[in-house]
C-alpha atoms as a PDB file:
ATOM      1  CA  MET A   1      94.895   4.003-202.492  1.00  0.00           C
ATOM      2  CA  PHE A   2      95.024   6.286-199.530  1.00  0.00           C
ATOM      3  CA  LYS A   3      94.395   9.618-199.851  1.00  0.00           C
ATOM      4  CA  PHE A   4      96.458  11.938-197.476  1.00  0.00           C
ATOM      5  CA  ALA A   5      94.495  14.389-195.339  1.00  0.00           C
ATOM      6  CA  ALA A   6      94.798  18.176-196.617  1.00  0.00           C
ATOM      7  CA  ARG A   7      97.138  20.082-194.171  1.00  0.00           C
ATOM      8  CA  ARG A   8      95.624  21.779-191.202  1.00  0.00           C
ATOM      9  CA  ARG A   9      95.938  25.362-190.634  1.00  0.00           C
ATOM     10  CA  GLY A  10      95.814  26.210-186.944  1.00  0.00           C
ATOM     11  CA  PHE A  11      95.684  24.663-183.410  1.00  0.00           C
ATOM     12  CA  THR A  12      92.801  22.398-182.091  1.00  0.00           C
ATOM     13  CA  LEU A  13      90.603  23.570-179.316  1.00  0.00           C
ATOM     14  CA  ILE A  14      92.192  20.825-177.103  1.00  0.00           C
ATOM     15  CA  GLU A  15      95.745  22.135-178.106  1.00  0.00           C
ATOM     16  CA  LEU A  16      94.545  25.932-176.929  1.00  0.00           C
ATOM     17  CA  MET A  17      93.101  24.609-173.921  1.00  0.00           C
ATOM     18  CA  ILE A  18      96.508  22.792-172.690  1.00  0.00           C
ATOM     19  CA  VAL A  19      98.582  25.869-173.379  1.00  0.00           C
ATOM     20  CA  ILE A  20      96.329  27.913-171.628  1.00  0.00           C
ATOM     21  CA  ILE A  21      96.098  25.543-168.515  1.00  0.00           C
ATOM     22  CA  VAL A  22     100.160  25.227-168.307  1.00  0.00           C
ATOM     23  CA  ILE A  23     100.307  29.190-168.486  1.00  0.00           C
ATOM     24  CA  ALA A  24      97.632  29.210-165.569  1.00  0.00           C
ATOM     25  CA  ILE A  25      99.604  26.804-163.342  1.00  0.00           C
ATOM     26  CA  LEU A  26     102.836  28.862-164.115  1.00  0.00           C
ATOM     27  CA  ALA A  27     101.075  32.173-162.950  1.00  0.00           C
ATOM     28  CA  LEU A  28      99.706  30.700-160.086  1.00  0.00           C
ATOM     29  CA  ILE A  29     103.210  29.823-158.973  1.00  0.00           C
ATOM     30  CA  VAL A  30     104.839  32.692-159.753  1.00  0.00           C
ATOM     31  CA  ILE A  31     102.355  35.496-158.639  1.00  0.00           C
ATOM     32  CA  PRO A  32     102.479  35.106-155.077  1.00  0.00           C
ATOM     33  CA  LYS A  33     106.117  35.121-154.928  1.00  0.00           C
ATOM     34  CA  LEU A  34     106.359  38.386-156.745  1.00  0.00           C
ATOM     35  CA  ALA A  35     103.598  39.739-154.277  1.00  0.00           C
ATOM     36  CA  LYS A  36     105.864  39.136-151.275  1.00  0.00           C
ATOM     37  CA  ALA A  37     108.774  40.593-153.136  1.00  0.00           C
ATOM     38  CA  SER A  38     107.340  44.188-152.509  1.00  0.00           C
ATOM     39  CA  LEU A  39     106.705  43.564-148.886  1.00  0.00           C
ATOM     40  CA  ARG A  40     110.149  42.081-148.428  1.00  0.00           C
ATOM     41  CA  ALA A  41     111.709  45.371-150.073  1.00  0.00           C
ATOM     42  CA  LYS A  42     109.761  47.518-147.457  1.00  0.00           C
ATOM     43  CA  GLU A  43     110.973  45.269-144.609  1.00  0.00           C
ATOM     44  CA  SER A  44     114.576  45.516-145.912  1.00  0.00           C
ATOM     45  CA  ALA A  45     114.092  49.386-146.106  1.00  0.00           C
ATOM     46  CA  MET A  46     112.631  49.508-142.890  1.00  0.00           C
ATOM     47  CA  THR A  47     115.448  47.629-141.049  1.00  0.00           C
ATOM     48  CA  ALA A  48     118.146  49.857-142.967  1.00  0.00           C
ATOM     49  CA  ASN A  49     116.324  53.105-141.657  1.00  0.00           C
ATOM     50  CA  LEU A  50     115.959  51.570-138.083  1.00  0.00           C
ATOM     51  CA  SER A  51     119.972  50.689-138.148  1.00  0.00           C
ATOM     52  CA  MET A  52     120.651  54.252-139.296  1.00  0.00           C
ATOM     53  CA  ILE A  53     118.430  55.649-136.410  1.00  0.00           C
ATOM     54  CA  ARG A  54     120.012  53.239-133.942  1.00  0.00           C
ATOM     55  CA  SER A  55     123.640  54.457-135.055  1.00  0.00           C
ATOM     56  CA  SER A  56     122.726  57.993-135.019  1.00  0.00           C
ATOM     57  CA  LEU A  57     121.448  57.598-131.458  1.00  0.00           C
ATOM     58  CA  GLU A  58     124.671  55.827-130.351  1.00  0.00           C
ATOM     59  CA  GLN A  59     126.547  58.826-132.050  1.00  0.00           C
ATOM     60  CA  PHE A  60     124.471  61.405-130.282  1.00  0.00           C
ATOM     61  CA  LYS A  61     125.053  59.626-126.933  1.00  0.00           C
ATOM     62  CA  VAL A  62     128.877  59.505-127.145  1.00  0.00           C
ATOM     63  CA  ASP A  63     128.831  63.273-127.928  1.00  0.00           C
ATOM     64  CA  MET A  64     126.247  64.487-125.603  1.00  0.00           C
ATOM     65  CA  GLY A  65     126.750  61.822-122.764  1.00  0.00           C
ATOM     66  CA  VAL A  66     122.972  60.785-122.888  1.00  0.00           C
ATOM     67  CA  TYR A  67     120.160  59.692-125.305  1.00  0.00           C
ATOM     68  CA  PRO A  68     118.030  62.503-126.637  1.00  0.00           C
ATOM     69  CA  SER A  69     114.773  62.972-125.296  1.00  0.00           C
ATOM     70  CA  THR A  70     112.901  62.857-128.491  1.00  0.00           C
ATOM     71  CA  LEU A  71     113.955  61.519-131.824  1.00  0.00           C
ATOM     72  CA  VAL A  72     113.800  64.864-133.489  1.00  0.00           C
ATOM     73  CA  GLU A  73     116.846  65.985-131.564  1.00  0.00           C
ATOM     74  CA  LEU A  74     118.714  63.705-133.916  1.00  0.00           C
ATOM     75  CA  ALA A  75     117.843  65.939-136.793  1.00  0.00           C
ATOM     76  CA  ALA A  76     118.597  69.302-134.961  1.00  0.00           C
ATOM     77  CA  ALA A  77     120.699  71.780-137.294  1.00  0.00           C
ATOM     78  CA  ASN A  78     122.371  73.038-133.795  1.00  0.00           C
ATOM     79  CA  GLU A  79     122.609  72.623-130.419  1.00  0.00           C
ATOM     80  CA  ALA A  80     119.876  75.332-129.823  1.00  0.00           C
ATOM     81  CA  GLY A  81     117.660  72.323-131.142  1.00  0.00           C
ATOM     82  CA  VAL A  82     118.282  70.089-128.404  1.00  0.00           C
ATOM     83  CA  VAL A  83     115.467  70.166-125.740  1.00  0.00           C
ATOM     84  CA  ALA A  84     116.086  71.087-122.169  1.00  0.00           C
ATOM     85  CA  ALA A  85     115.275  67.747-121.089  1.00  0.00           C
ATOM     86  CA  THR A  86     118.508  66.383-122.814  1.00  0.00           C
ATOM     87  CA  LYS A  87     120.703  69.545-121.600  1.00  0.00           C
ATOM     88  CA  ALA A  88     119.739  68.750-117.955  1.00  0.00           C
ATOM     89  CA  TYR A  89     121.697  65.850-117.735  1.00  0.00           C
ATOM     90  CA  THR A  90     124.467  66.623-115.522  1.00  0.00           C
ATOM     91  CA  GLY A  91     127.330  65.579-117.885  1.00  0.00           C
ATOM     92  CA  TYR A  92     126.162  67.924-120.647  1.00  0.00           C
ATOM     93  CA  GLN A  93     128.840  70.254-121.614  1.00  0.00           C
ATOM     94  CA  PRO A  94     127.942  73.093-124.300  1.00  0.00           C
ATOM     95  CA  GLY A  95     129.694  72.621-127.386  1.00  0.00           C
ATOM     96  CA  ASN A  96     129.302  68.723-127.252  1.00  0.00           C
ATOM     97  CA  TYR A  97     126.771  68.711-130.131  1.00  0.00           C
ATOM     98  CA  HIS A  98     128.023  67.875-133.571  1.00  0.00           C
ATOM     99  CA  GLY A  99     124.860  67.150-135.387  1.00  0.00           C
ATOM    100  CA  PRO A 100     122.663  66.956-137.253  1.00  0.00           C
ATOM    101  CA  TYR A 101     122.893  63.226-136.818  1.00  0.00           C
ATOM    102  CA  GLN A 102     119.899  62.570-139.070  1.00  0.00           C
ATOM    103  CA  SER A 103     118.827  64.817-142.058  1.00  0.00           C
ATOM    104  CA  ILE A 104     116.513  62.883-144.388  1.00  0.00           C
ATOM    105  CA  GLN A 105     114.841  64.646-147.549  1.00  0.00           C
ATOM    106  CA  GLY A 106     111.328  63.588-147.568  1.00  0.00           C
ATOM    107  CA  GLY A 107     111.156  62.133-144.105  1.00  0.00           C
ATOM    108  CA  ILE A 108     109.028  63.609-141.111  1.00  0.00           C
ATOM    109  CA  ASN A 109     111.166  66.196-139.297  1.00  0.00           C
ATOM    110  CA  GLY A 110     114.320  64.855-140.813  1.00  0.00           C
ATOM    111  CA  LEU A 111     113.987  61.399-139.862  1.00  0.00           C
ATOM    112  CA  PRO A 112     113.205  58.560-141.953  1.00  0.00           C
ATOM    113  CA  LYS A 113     109.630  57.057-142.426  1.00  0.00           C
ATOM    114  CA  ASN A 114     108.921  53.691-141.655  1.00  0.00           C
ATOM    115  CA  PRO A 115     107.814  52.118-145.293  1.00  0.00           C
ATOM    116  CA  LEU A 116     105.647  49.556-143.936  1.00  0.00           C
ATOM    117  CA  ILE A 117     103.442  52.427-142.362  1.00  0.00           C
ATOM    118  CA  THR A 118     101.161  54.408-144.678  1.00  0.00           C
ATOM    119  CA  ASP A 119     100.903  58.201-143.964  1.00  0.00           C
ATOM    120  CA  ALA A 120      97.221  57.892-143.614  1.00  0.00           C
ATOM    121  CA  GLY A 121      97.813  58.458-139.852  1.00  0.00           C
ATOM    122  CA  ALA A 122     100.850  60.681-140.198  1.00  0.00           C
ATOM    123  CA  THR A 123      98.749  63.911-141.096  1.00  0.00           C
ATOM    124  CA  ALA A 124     100.090  67.524-140.737  1.00  0.00           C
ATOM    125  CA  GLU A 125      97.977  68.260-137.482  1.00  0.00           C
ATOM    126  CA  ASN A 126      99.629  65.187-135.365  1.00  0.00           C
ATOM    127  CA  VAL A 127     103.223  66.301-136.561  1.00  0.00           C
ATOM    128  CA  ALA A 128     104.486  68.884-133.953  1.00  0.00           C
ATOM    129  CA  ALA A 129     107.932  70.422-134.246  1.00  0.00           C
ATOM    130  CA  ASP A 130     109.187  68.124-131.523  1.00  0.00           C
ATOM    131  CA  ALA A 131     107.217  65.000-132.185  1.00  0.00           C
ATOM    132  CA  THR A 132     108.726  61.835-133.707  1.00  0.00           C
ATOM    133  CA  PRO A 133     107.280  60.668-136.975  1.00  0.00           C
ATOM    134  CA  PRO A 134     103.709  59.736-135.643  1.00  0.00           C
ATOM    135  CA  GLY A 135     103.536  56.214-135.579  1.00  0.00           C
ATOM    136  CA  HIS A 136     106.552  55.289-137.544  1.00  0.00           C
ATOM    137  CA  TRP A 137     108.928  54.687-134.536  1.00  0.00           C
ATOM    138  CA  ALA A 138     108.628  54.099-131.118  1.00  0.00           C
ATOM    139  CA  TYR A 139     111.386  55.543-128.944  1.00  0.00           C
ATOM    140  CA  ALA A 140     112.385  55.167-125.114  1.00  0.00           C
ATOM    141  CA  ALA A 141     114.475  57.949-124.050  1.00  0.00           C
ATOM    142  CA  GLY A 142     115.856  56.372-121.202  1.00  0.00           C
ATOM    143  CA  SER A 143     117.255  53.197-122.937  1.00  0.00           C
ATOM    144  CA  GLY A 144     117.799  54.710-126.036  1.00  0.00           C
ATOM    145  CA  THR A 145     115.696  52.031-127.703  1.00  0.00           C
ATOM    146  CA  VAL A 146     113.726  52.701-131.060  1.00  0.00           C
ATOM    147  CA  THR A 147     111.497  50.003-132.624  1.00  0.00           C
ATOM    148  CA  PRO A 148     108.899  50.210-135.275  1.00  0.00           C
ATOM    149  CA  GLY A 149     105.815  51.851-134.404  1.00  0.00           C
ATOM    150  CA  LYS A 150     102.212  50.439-135.071  1.00  0.00           C
ATOM    151  CA  ILE A 151     103.133  47.217-136.212  1.00  0.00           C
ATOM    152  CA  ALA A 152     104.720  45.946-133.276  1.00  0.00           C
ATOM    153  CA  GLY A 153     102.175  43.119-133.058  1.00  0.00           C
ATOM    154  CA  LEU A 154     102.779  41.989-136.609  1.00  0.00           C
ATOM    155  CA  THR A 155     105.547  39.325-137.840  1.00  0.00           C
ATOM    156  CA  THR A 156     107.959  39.824-140.897  1.00  0.00           C
ATOM    157  CA  VAL A 157     106.884  38.248-144.248  1.00  0.00           C
ATOM    158  CA  ASP A 158     108.248  34.849-143.243  1.00  0.00           C
ATOM    159  CA  GLY A 159     106.602  34.952-139.613  1.00  0.00           C
ATOM    160  CA  ASN A 160     109.745  34.308-137.923  1.00  0.00           C
ATOM    161  CA  ILE A 161     110.365  37.681-136.036  1.00  0.00           C
ATOM    162  CA  ALA A 162     107.948  40.195-134.621  1.00  0.00           C
ATOM    163  CA  TYR A 163     108.483  43.716-136.007  1.00  0.00           C
ATOM    164  CA  GLY A 164     108.845  45.103-132.617  1.00  0.00           C
ATOM    165  CA  ALA A 165     111.648  42.738-131.851  1.00  0.00           C
ATOM    166  CA  LEU A 166     113.811  44.152-134.529  1.00  0.00           C
END
């Protein structure tokens, strides 16, 4: 009576389009989250570097009685690397230096780089022996305050905290 249709082999165009649309929707949800993951990792590395530098500054102050004149003094191999401005402090005693307090391989002058800043502005001609990593960190010698440089006006990925406030 009724003839059964022959078995189909393959998918219809509508079935394929539905699968493609579902995959596209999933990609639209996942890709933005993955894109921010890289930036969040760089932020995390930056805050870890910032914490390490601040800890080194405090240790330097405990030993020497004053914050260093430049961040590069944290990486000085011996007391001869400490600049005269720091040694001019009235409480300075020779032999107090127990550094280097920072010594980062691949950093600039022994200090860690800020991963959120590219090295395009940190070319060899702007890196003097006594300079802080150009643009990577902003340092106020009097108060020992160090903040991320060049990105001070920007905020974190979630937009809640200004980088300059970290």
